[in-house]
PDB file of N, CA and C in Angstrom:
ATOM      1  N   MET A   1      56.494   7.196  -4.255  1.00  0.00           N
ATOM      2  CA  MET A   1      55.131   7.577  -3.964  1.00  0.00           C
ATOM      3  C   MET A   1      55.005   9.094  -4.065  1.00  0.00           C
ATOM      4  N   ALA A   2      53.877   9.535  -4.628  1.00  0.00           N
ATOM      5  CA  ALA A   2      53.679  10.965  -4.828  1.00  0.00           C
ATOM      6  C   ALA A   2      53.392  11.653  -3.499  1.00  0.00           C
ATOM      7  N   GLU A   3      53.754  12.932  -3.460  1.00  0.00           N
ATOM      8  CA  GLU A   3      53.532  13.709  -2.244  1.00  0.00           C
ATOM      9  C   GLU A   3      52.036  13.914  -1.996  1.00  0.00           C
ATOM     10  N   TYR A   4      51.265  14.168  -3.051  1.00  0.00           N
ATOM     11  CA  TYR A   4      49.818  14.325  -2.969  1.00  0.00           C
ATOM     12  C   TYR A   4      49.179  13.310  -3.918  1.00  0.00           C
ATOM     13  N   PRO A   5      48.892  12.092  -3.451  1.00  0.00           N
ATOM     14  CA  PRO A   5      48.425  11.040  -4.365  1.00  0.00           C
ATOM     15  C   PRO A   5      47.030  11.296  -4.934  1.00  0.00           C
ATOM     16  N   ASN A   6      46.177  12.050  -4.265  1.00  0.00           N
ATOM     17  CA  ASN A   6      44.810  12.252  -4.735  1.00  0.00           C
ATOM     18  C   ASN A   6      44.613  13.695  -5.177  1.00  0.00           C
ATOM     19  N   THR A   7      45.419  14.161  -6.104  1.00  0.00           N
ATOM     20  CA  THR A   7      45.314  15.549  -6.545  1.00  0.00           C
ATOM     21  C   THR A   7      44.097  15.777  -7.429  1.00  0.00           C
ATOM     22  N   ASN A   8      43.608  14.752  -8.099  1.00  0.00           N
ATOM     23  CA  ASN A   8      42.418  14.880  -8.929  1.00  0.00           C
ATOM     24  C   ASN A   8      41.375  13.874  -8.419  1.00  0.00           C
ATOM     25  N   PRO A   9      40.463  14.286  -7.531  1.00  0.00           N
ATOM     26  CA  PRO A   9      39.531  13.336  -6.915  1.00  0.00           C
ATOM     27  C   PRO A   9      38.523  12.744  -7.891  1.00  0.00           C
ATOM     28  N   PHE A  10      38.313  13.368  -9.059  1.00  0.00           N
ATOM     29  CA  PHE A  10      37.324  12.860 -10.007  1.00  0.00           C
ATOM     30  C   PHE A  10      37.948  11.943 -11.047  1.00  0.00           C
ATOM     31  N   ASP A  11      39.213  11.725 -10.973  1.00  0.00           N
ATOM     32  CA  ASP A  11      39.885  10.844 -11.922  1.00  0.00           C
ATOM     33  C   ASP A  11      39.445   9.402 -11.653  1.00  0.00           C
ATOM     34  N   GLY A  12      38.859   8.770 -12.648  1.00  0.00           N
ATOM     35  CA  GLY A  12      38.438   7.387 -12.504  1.00  0.00           C
ATOM     36  C   GLY A  12      37.010   7.222 -12.024  1.00  0.00           C
ATOM     37  N   TYR A  13      36.269   8.284 -11.811  1.00  0.00           N
ATOM     38  CA  TYR A  13      34.880   8.200 -11.381  1.00  0.00           C
ATOM     39  C   TYR A  13      33.978   8.691 -12.499  1.00  0.00           C
ATOM     40  N   SER A  14      32.816   8.098 -12.595  1.00  0.00           N
ATOM     41  CA  SER A  14      31.821   8.596 -13.538  1.00  0.00           C
ATOM     42  C   SER A  14      30.449   8.444 -12.888  1.00  0.00           C
ATOM     43  N   ALA A  15      29.534   9.273 -13.300  1.00  0.00           N
ATOM     44  CA  ALA A  15      28.176   9.225 -12.769  1.00  0.00           C
ATOM     45  C   ALA A  15      27.210   9.528 -13.893  1.00  0.00           C
ATOM     46  N   SER A  16      26.036   8.938 -13.803  1.00  0.00           N
ATOM     47  CA  SER A  16      24.995   9.214 -14.786  1.00  0.00           C
ATOM     48  C   SER A  16      23.645   9.155 -14.084  1.00  0.00           C
ATOM     49  N   TRP A  17      22.648   9.777 -14.698  1.00  0.00           N
ATOM     50  CA  TRP A  17      21.310   9.802 -14.137  1.00  0.00           C
ATOM     51  C   TRP A  17      20.321   9.712 -15.275  1.00  0.00           C
ATOM     52  N   THR A  18      19.257   8.948 -15.071  1.00  0.00           N
ATOM     53  CA  THR A  18      18.220   8.785 -16.077  1.00  0.00           C
ATOM     54  C   THR A  18      16.880   9.161 -15.461  1.00  0.00           C
ATOM     55  N   GLN A  19      16.108   9.945 -16.184  1.00  0.00           N
ATOM     56  CA  GLN A  19      14.774  10.320 -15.728  1.00  0.00           C
ATOM     57  C   GLN A  19      13.895   9.083 -15.716  1.00  0.00           C
ATOM     58  N   PRO A  20      13.294   8.764 -14.576  1.00  0.00           N
ATOM     59  CA  PRO A  20      12.419   7.591 -14.541  1.00  0.00           C
ATOM     60  C   PRO A  20      11.149   7.831 -15.358  1.00  0.00           C
ATOM     61  N   TYR A  21      10.631   6.779 -15.939  1.00  0.00           N
ATOM     62  CA  TYR A  21       9.411   6.863 -16.727  1.00  0.00           C
ATOM     63  C   TYR A  21       8.231   6.501 -15.844  1.00  0.00           C
ATOM     64  N   LEU A  22       7.384   7.463 -15.592  1.00  0.00           N
ATOM     65  CA  LEU A  22       6.191   7.228 -14.785  1.00  0.00           C
ATOM     66  C   LEU A  22       4.969   7.571 -15.638  1.00  0.00           C
ATOM     67  N   PRO A  23       4.327   6.587 -16.228  1.00  0.00           N
ATOM     68  CA  PRO A  23       3.220   6.890 -17.152  1.00  0.00           C
ATOM     69  C   PRO A  23       2.042   7.567 -16.470  1.00  0.00           C
ATOM     70  N   THR A  24       1.865   7.374 -15.180  1.00  0.00           N
ATOM     71  CA  THR A  24       0.707   7.973 -14.524  1.00  0.00           C
ATOM     72  C   THR A  24       0.852   9.474 -14.363  1.00  0.00           C
ATOM     73  N   SER A  25       2.078   9.993 -14.256  1.00  0.00           N
ATOM     74  CA  SER A  25       2.207  11.414 -14.047  1.00  0.00           C
ATOM     75  C   SER A  25       2.521  12.202 -15.312  1.00  0.00           C
ATOM     76  N   TYR A  26       3.074  11.572 -16.319  1.00  0.00           N
ATOM     77  CA  TYR A  26       3.482  12.313 -17.508  1.00  0.00           C
ATOM     78  C   TYR A  26       2.522  12.153 -18.684  1.00  0.00           C
ATOM     79  N   ASN A  27       1.712  11.122 -18.675  1.00  0.00           N
ATOM     80  CA  ASN A  27       0.817  10.872 -19.795  1.00  0.00           C
ATOM     81  C   ASN A  27      -0.568  11.437 -19.471  1.00  0.00           C
ATOM     82  N   PRO A  28      -0.985  12.503 -20.166  1.00  0.00           N
ATOM     83  CA  PRO A  28      -2.287  13.099 -19.848  1.00  0.00           C
ATOM     84  C   PRO A  28      -3.465  12.197 -20.218  1.00  0.00           C
ATOM     85  N   PHE A  29      -3.244  11.181 -21.056  1.00  0.00           N
ATOM     86  CA  PHE A  29      -4.313  10.299 -21.488  1.00  0.00           C
ATOM     87  C   PHE A  29      -4.367   9.008 -20.676  1.00  0.00           C
ATOM     88  N   TYR A  30      -3.516   8.895 -19.663  1.00  0.00           N
ATOM     89  CA  TYR A  30      -3.487   7.671 -18.850  1.00  0.00           C
ATOM     90  C   TYR A  30      -4.710   7.609 -17.952  1.00  0.00           C
ATOM     91  N   SER A  31      -5.368   6.475 -17.953  1.00  0.00           N
ATOM     92  CA  SER A  31      -6.445   6.243 -16.986  1.00  0.00           C
ATOM     93  C   SER A  31      -6.284   4.823 -16.469  1.00  0.00           C
ATOM     94  N   PRO A  32      -6.256   4.670 -15.150  1.00  0.00           N
ATOM     95  CA  PRO A  32      -6.048   3.345 -14.581  1.00  0.00           C
ATOM     96  C   PRO A  32      -7.241   2.427 -14.842  1.00  0.00           C
ATOM     97  N   SER A  33      -6.981   1.140 -14.830  1.00  0.00           N
ATOM     98  CA  SER A  33      -8.044   0.164 -15.060  1.00  0.00           C
ATOM     99  C   SER A  33      -9.016   0.181 -13.877  1.00  0.00           C
ATOM    100  N   PRO A  34     -10.252  -0.234 -14.083  1.00  0.00           N
ATOM    101  CA  PRO A  34     -11.216  -0.268 -12.982  1.00  0.00           C
ATOM    102  C   PRO A  34     -10.762  -1.171 -11.835  1.00  0.00           C
ATOM    103  N   GLU A  35     -10.050  -2.247 -12.146  1.00  0.00           N
ATOM    104  CA  GLU A  35      -9.548  -3.129 -11.100  1.00  0.00           C
ATOM    105  C   GLU A  35      -8.519  -2.404 -10.233  1.00  0.00           C
ATOM    106  N   HIS A  36      -7.670  -1.598 -10.877  1.00  0.00           N
ATOM    107  CA  HIS A  36      -6.653  -0.836 -10.146  1.00  0.00           C
ATOM    108  C   HIS A  36      -7.316   0.195  -9.233  1.00  0.00           C
ATOM    109  N   VAL A  37      -8.326   0.878  -9.740  1.00  0.00           N
ATOM    110  CA  VAL A  37      -9.036   1.885  -8.953  1.00  0.00           C
ATOM    111  C   VAL A  37      -9.723   1.228  -7.758  1.00  0.00           C
ATOM    112  N   ALA A  38     -10.360   0.079  -7.997  1.00  0.00           N
ATOM    113  CA  ALA A  38     -11.044  -0.632  -6.913  1.00  0.00           C
ATOM    114  C   ALA A  38     -10.047  -1.116  -5.859  1.00  0.00           C
ATOM    115  N   THR A  39      -8.890  -1.598  -6.303  1.00  0.00           N
ATOM    116  CA  THR A  39      -7.873  -2.069  -5.369  1.00  0.00           C
ATOM    117  C   THR A  39      -7.362  -0.934  -4.502  1.00  0.00           C
ATOM    118  N   GLU A  40      -7.086   0.227  -5.107  1.00  0.00           N
ATOM    119  CA  GLU A  40      -6.624   1.381  -4.333  1.00  0.00           C
ATOM    120  C   GLU A  40      -7.682   1.828  -3.327  1.00  0.00           C
ATOM    121  N   GLU A  41      -8.954   1.804  -3.721  1.00  0.00           N
ATOM    122  CA  GLU A  41     -10.025   2.205  -2.814  1.00  0.00           C
ATOM    123  C   GLU A  41     -10.143   1.224  -1.644  1.00  0.00           C
ATOM    124  N   MET A  42      -9.998  -0.056  -1.910  1.00  0.00           N
ATOM    125  CA  MET A  42     -10.057  -1.053  -0.836  1.00  0.00           C
ATOM    126  C   MET A  42      -8.887  -0.887   0.139  1.00  0.00           C
ATOM    127  N   ILE A  43      -7.715  -0.519  -0.378  1.00  0.00           N
ATOM    128  CA  ILE A  43      -6.559  -0.264   0.487  1.00  0.00           C
ATOM    129  C   ILE A  43      -6.840   0.921   1.401  1.00  0.00           C
ATOM    130  N   ARG A  44      -7.441   1.992   0.849  1.00  0.00           N
ATOM    131  CA  ARG A  44      -7.780   3.164   1.665  1.00  0.00           C
ATOM    132  C   ARG A  44      -8.826   2.813   2.720  1.00  0.00           C
ATOM    133  N   ILE A  45      -9.835   2.045   2.345  1.00  0.00           N
ATOM    134  CA  ILE A  45     -10.884   1.655   3.298  1.00  0.00           C
ATOM    135  C   ILE A  45     -10.283   0.825   4.424  1.00  0.00           C
ATOM    136  N   GLU A  46      -9.411  -0.104   4.079  1.00  0.00           N
ATOM    137  CA  GLU A  46      -8.768  -0.938   5.094  1.00  0.00           C
ATOM    138  C   GLU A  46      -7.916  -0.096   6.042  1.00  0.00           C
ATOM    139  N   ALA A  47      -7.231   0.909   5.509  1.00  0.00           N
ATOM    140  CA  ALA A  47      -6.409   1.792   6.350  1.00  0.00           C
ATOM    141  C   ALA A  47      -7.282   2.568   7.332  1.00  0.00           C
ATOM    142  N   VAL A  48      -8.404   3.091   6.862  1.00  0.00           N
ATOM    143  CA  VAL A  48      -9.314   3.824   7.746  1.00  0.00           C
ATOM    144  C   VAL A  48      -9.898   2.881   8.789  1.00  0.00           C
ATOM    145  N   ASP A  49     -10.263   1.672   8.383  1.00  0.00           N
ATOM    146  CA  ASP A  49     -10.776   0.690   9.346  1.00  0.00           C
ATOM    147  C   ASP A  49      -9.762   0.401  10.444  1.00  0.00           C
ATOM    148  N   ASN A  50      -8.506   0.278  10.070  1.00  0.00           N
ATOM    149  CA  ASN A  50      -7.459   0.023  11.067  1.00  0.00           C
ATOM    150  C   ASN A  50      -7.293   1.203  12.023  1.00  0.00           C
ATOM    151  N   ILE A  51      -7.371   2.422  11.502  1.00  0.00           N
ATOM    152  CA  ILE A  51      -7.249   3.611  12.358  1.00  0.00           C
ATOM    153  C   ILE A  51      -8.397   3.657  13.357  1.00  0.00           C
ATOM    154  N   VAL A  52      -9.629   3.418  12.881  1.00  0.00           N
ATOM    155  CA  VAL A  52     -10.791   3.457  13.764  1.00  0.00           C
ATOM    156  C   VAL A  52     -10.720   2.317  14.775  1.00  0.00           C
ATOM    157  N   GLN A  53     -10.297   1.142  14.335  1.00  0.00           N
ATOM    158  CA  GLN A  53     -10.200  -0.006  15.240  1.00  0.00           C
ATOM    159  C   GLN A  53      -9.217   0.258  16.379  1.00  0.00           C
ATOM    160  N   ASN A  54      -8.160   1.013  16.111  1.00  0.00           N
ATOM    161  CA  ASN A  54      -7.135   1.272  17.116  1.00  0.00           C
ATOM    162  C   ASN A  54      -7.409   2.508  17.970  1.00  0.00           C
ATOM    163  N   MET A  55      -8.518   3.192  17.723  1.00  0.00           N
ATOM    164  CA  MET A  55      -8.852   4.374  18.516  1.00  0.00           C
ATOM    165  C   MET A  55      -9.296   3.951  19.906  1.00  0.00           C
ATOM    166  N   LEU A  56      -8.880   4.707  20.925  1.00  0.00           N
ATOM    167  CA  LEU A  56      -9.300   4.431  22.293  1.00  0.00           C
ATOM    168  C   LEU A  56     -10.564   5.199  22.649  1.00  0.00           C
ATOM    169  N   THR A  57     -10.726   6.381  22.077  1.00  0.00           N
ATOM    170  CA  THR A  57     -11.925   7.182  22.313  1.00  0.00           C
ATOM    171  C   THR A  57     -12.441   7.709  20.977  1.00  0.00           C
ATOM    172  N   TYR A  58     -13.701   8.107  20.994  1.00  0.00           N
ATOM    173  CA  TYR A  58     -14.331   8.661  19.800  1.00  0.00           C
ATOM    174  C   TYR A  58     -14.880  10.037  20.167  1.00  0.00           C
ATOM    175  N   PRO A  59     -14.052  11.100  20.055  1.00  0.00           N
ATOM    176  CA  PRO A  59     -14.447  12.433  20.541  1.00  0.00           C
ATOM    177  C   PRO A  59     -15.731  12.965  19.916  1.00  0.00           C
ATOM    178  N   ASP A  60     -15.928  12.773  18.620  1.00  0.00           N
ATOM    179  CA  ASP A  60     -17.139  13.292  17.979  1.00  0.00           C
ATOM    180  C   ASP A  60     -18.383  12.605  18.523  1.00  0.00           C
ATOM    181  N   ALA A  61     -18.323  11.289  18.656  1.00  0.00           N
ATOM    182  CA  ALA A  61     -19.474  10.553  19.186  1.00  0.00           C
ATOM    183  C   ALA A  61     -19.730  10.924  20.642  1.00  0.00           C
ATOM    184  N   GLU A  62     -18.688  11.079  21.427  1.00  0.00           N
ATOM    185  CA  GLU A  62     -18.859  11.459  22.834  1.00  0.00           C
ATOM    186  C   GLU A  62     -19.493  12.837  22.958  1.00  0.00           C
ATOM    187  N   ALA A  63     -19.118  13.763  22.077  1.00  0.00           N
ATOM    188  CA  ALA A  63     -19.704  15.106  22.113  1.00  0.00           C
ATOM    189  C   ALA A  63     -21.198  15.053  21.779  1.00  0.00           C
ATOM    190  N   ILE A  64     -21.568  14.258  20.800  1.00  0.00           N
ATOM    191  CA  ILE A  64     -22.979  14.139  20.416  1.00  0.00           C
ATOM    192  C   ILE A  64     -23.777  13.508  21.547  1.00  0.00           C
ATOM    193  N   ILE A  65     -23.242  12.454  22.148  1.00  0.00           N
ATOM    194  CA  ILE A  65     -23.949  11.767  23.234  1.00  0.00           C
ATOM    195  C   ILE A  65     -24.129  12.699  24.429  1.00  0.00           C
ATOM    196  N   SER A  66     -23.080  13.428  24.809  1.00  0.00           N
ATOM    197  CA  SER A  66     -23.203  14.334  25.961  1.00  0.00           C
ATOM    198  C   SER A  66     -24.189  15.468  25.662  1.00  0.00           C
ATOM    199  N   LYS A  67     -24.255  15.928  24.428  1.00  0.00           N
ATOM    200  CA  LYS A  67     -25.216  16.976  24.061  1.00  0.00           C
ATOM    201  C   LYS A  67     -26.643  16.443  24.187  1.00  0.00           C
ATOM    202  N   VAL A  68     -26.867  15.217  23.717  1.00  0.00           N
ATOM    203  CA  VAL A  68     -28.203  14.629  23.806  1.00  0.00           C
ATOM    204  C   VAL A  68     -28.587  14.413  25.265  1.00  0.00           C
ATOM    205  N   ILE A  69     -27.664  13.956  26.092  1.00  0.00           N
ATOM    206  CA  ILE A  69     -27.947  13.727  27.511  1.00  0.00           C
ATOM    207  C   ILE A  69     -28.284  15.047  28.200  1.00  0.00           C
ATOM    208  N   LYS A  70     -27.546  16.114  27.899  1.00  0.00           N
ATOM    209  CA  LYS A  70     -27.831  17.418  28.497  1.00  0.00           C
ATOM    210  C   LYS A  70     -29.209  17.921  28.090  1.00  0.00           C
ATOM    211  N   GLU A  71     -29.569  17.712  26.826  1.00  0.00           N
ATOM    212  CA  GLU A  71     -30.873  18.168  26.353  1.00  0.00           C
ATOM    213  C   GLU A  71     -31.986  17.367  27.019  1.00  0.00           C
ATOM    214  N   ASN A  72     -31.776  16.084  27.262  1.00  0.00           N
ATOM    215  CA  ASN A  72     -32.802  15.256  27.892  1.00  0.00           C
ATOM    216  C   ASN A  72     -32.977  15.578  29.371  1.00  0.00           C
ATOM    217  N   ARG A  73     -31.953  16.063  30.028  1.00  0.00           N
ATOM    218  CA  ARG A  73     -32.053  16.434  31.448  1.00  0.00           C
ATOM    219  C   ARG A  73     -32.969  17.631  31.636  1.00  0.00           C
ATOM    220  N   HIS A  74     -32.963  18.514  30.661  1.00  0.00           N
ATOM    221  CA  HIS A  74     -33.743  19.747  30.771  1.00  0.00           C
ATOM    222  C   HIS A  74     -35.200  19.526  30.381  1.00  0.00           C
ATOM    223  N   ASP A  75     -35.540  18.401  29.789  1.00  0.00           N
ATOM    224  CA  ASP A  75     -36.913  18.157  29.352  1.00  0.00           C
ATOM    225  C   ASP A  75     -37.789  17.692  30.467  1.00  0.00           C
TER     226      ASP A  75
END
């Protein structure tokens, strides 16, 4: 047995890398289909709906309501 068995750590190893093909970012003439655009928009709308549904308070609405109440007290 050799005194230093792993003297060349890269012996027997190989590595390679390939640039992924992404037509949406590299092709200046790419335009998504209307169905794709509509689907992405529906996903965004659903995400916003979920965020609003899970909110416990609505700070902007509360500020508007308190401003209106203060103005009505002075009338």
